[in-house]
Amino acid sequence: MKRATHQSNNKAVSKHISIHALVKRATASTVYHSNACCISIHALVKRATSFIVYIILCLCISIHALVKRATLCDNV
């Protein structure tokens, strides 16, 4: 019983850390005043993950180029 409670506590802590990391990353380069702190969750997630999506997209393009090049060599 203690182990299940410990695992659920770890999940709660990791979710809290993830949200904290999103907020920290999204606001790292933004100087804001106390009256301009209304940043939506969508904007936080979009800003924090946009670079990751870009990397994944570049990786997919690179894999596609490698496959295309490899199959061209096979056809020759």
Protein backbone atom coordinates (compact mmCIF):
# COMPACT_ATOMS: atom_id res chain seq x y z
CA MET A 1 0.00 0.00 0.00
CA LYS A 2 2.84 2.39 0.81
CA ARG A 3 4.50 1.71 -2.55
CA ALA A 4 1.33 2.66 -4.51
CA THR A 5 1.04 5.90 -2.56
CA HIS A 6 4.72 6.65 -3.15
CA GLN A 7 4.32 6.06 -6.91
CA SER A 8 1.26 8.32 -7.13
CA ASN A 9 3.18 11.02 -5.23
CA ASN A 10 6.05 10.71 -7.73
CA LYS A 11 3.60 11.18 -10.63
CA ALA A 12 2.13 14.27 -8.99
CA VAL A 13 5.59 15.70 -8.40
CA SER A 14 6.69 15.01 -11.99
CA LYS A 15 3.57 16.72 -13.36
CA HIS A 16 4.28 19.72 -11.13
CA ILE A 17 7.88 19.83 -12.32
CA SER A 18 6.74 19.62 -15.95
CA ILE A 19 4.33 22.53 -15.60
CA HIS A 20 7.01 24.49 -13.73
CA ALA A 21 9.50 23.77 -16.52
CA LEU A 22 7.01 24.94 -19.17
CA VAL A 23 6.36 28.18 -17.31
CA LYS A 24 10.07 28.76 -16.68
CA ARG A 25 11.01 28.10 -20.32
CA ALA A 26 8.19 30.19 -21.77
CA THR A 27 8.93 33.16 -19.55
CA ALA A 28 12.74 32.93 -19.54
CA SER A 29 13.23 35.57 -22.22
CA THR A 30 10.12 37.60 -21.42
CA VAL A 31 10.24 40.59 -19.13
CA TYR A 32 6.79 41.14 -17.73
CA HIS A 33 5.17 43.42 -15.19
CA SER A 34 2.75 42.36 -12.47
CA ASN A 35 -0.24 43.62 -14.46
CA ALA A 36 0.79 41.68 -17.60
CA CYS A 37 1.15 38.15 -16.18
CA CYS A 38 -1.81 36.63 -18.03
CA ILE A 39 -0.20 34.00 -20.24
CA SER A 40 -2.49 31.21 -21.39
CA ILE A 41 -1.55 27.56 -20.90
CA HIS A 42 -1.79 27.08 -24.68
CA ALA A 43 0.77 29.82 -25.27
CA LEU A 44 3.10 28.32 -22.67
CA VAL A 45 2.94 24.86 -24.23
CA LYS A 46 3.25 26.22 -27.77
CA ARG A 47 6.30 28.32 -26.97
CA ALA A 48 8.03 25.62 -24.92
CA THR A 49 7.49 22.88 -27.51
CA SER A 50 7.95 24.81 -30.77
CA PHE A 51 11.70 24.18 -30.85
CA ILE A 52 11.20 20.46 -30.12
CA VAL A 53 8.70 20.18 -32.99
CA TYR A 54 11.20 21.91 -35.29
CA ILE A 55 13.91 19.41 -34.36
CA ILE A 56 11.57 16.45 -34.95
CA LEU A 57 10.55 17.89 -38.32
CA CYS A 58 14.19 18.31 -39.38
CA LEU A 59 14.94 14.77 -38.23
CA CYS A 60 12.05 13.40 -40.33
CA ILE A 61 13.26 15.33 -43.38
CA SER A 62 16.78 13.99 -42.84
CA ILE A 63 15.55 10.39 -42.57
CA HIS A 64 13.46 10.86 -45.71
CA ALA A 65 16.51 12.21 -47.57
CA LEU A 66 18.63 9.25 -46.44
CA VAL A 67 16.00 6.74 -47.55
CA LYS A 68 15.58 8.51 -50.88
CA ARG A 69 19.34 8.54 -51.47
CA ALA A 70 19.70 4.88 -50.48
CA THR A 71 16.90 3.79 -52.79
CA LEU A 72 18.33 5.80 -55.69
CA CYS A 73 21.62 3.91 -55.28
CA ASP A 74 19.74 0.60 -55.34
CA ASN A 75 17.93 1.50 -58.55
CA VAL A 76 21.13 2.35 -60.44
